[in-house]
Amino acid sequence: MDDLIGIFSSRGDLAHLALFLWASVATALALFALRELAAAMRRFDDFVRELARFNERFGGQTDGHAPHGAARHTR
């Protein structure tokens, strides 16, 4: 790494070196963010899948209670 910096500094291309380092770090951060976003999407998809499985298993059962938020009609 020191040789690379020495080559750039001897030619006066420190601005190019700084730009390259900035672009490298920005790319690494973008890749990290995309990887974390993909993991979050997988976790959310798993949650929705489990919720659908729960609703299939327990959603159609009635035990005499009104669903949450629904009013019971008695006459």
Foldseek 3Di string as FASTA:
>chain_A
DVVVVVVCVVVVNVVVVVVVVVVVVVVVVVVVVVVVVVVVVVVVVVVVVVVVVVCVVPVVDDDPDDPPPDDDDDD
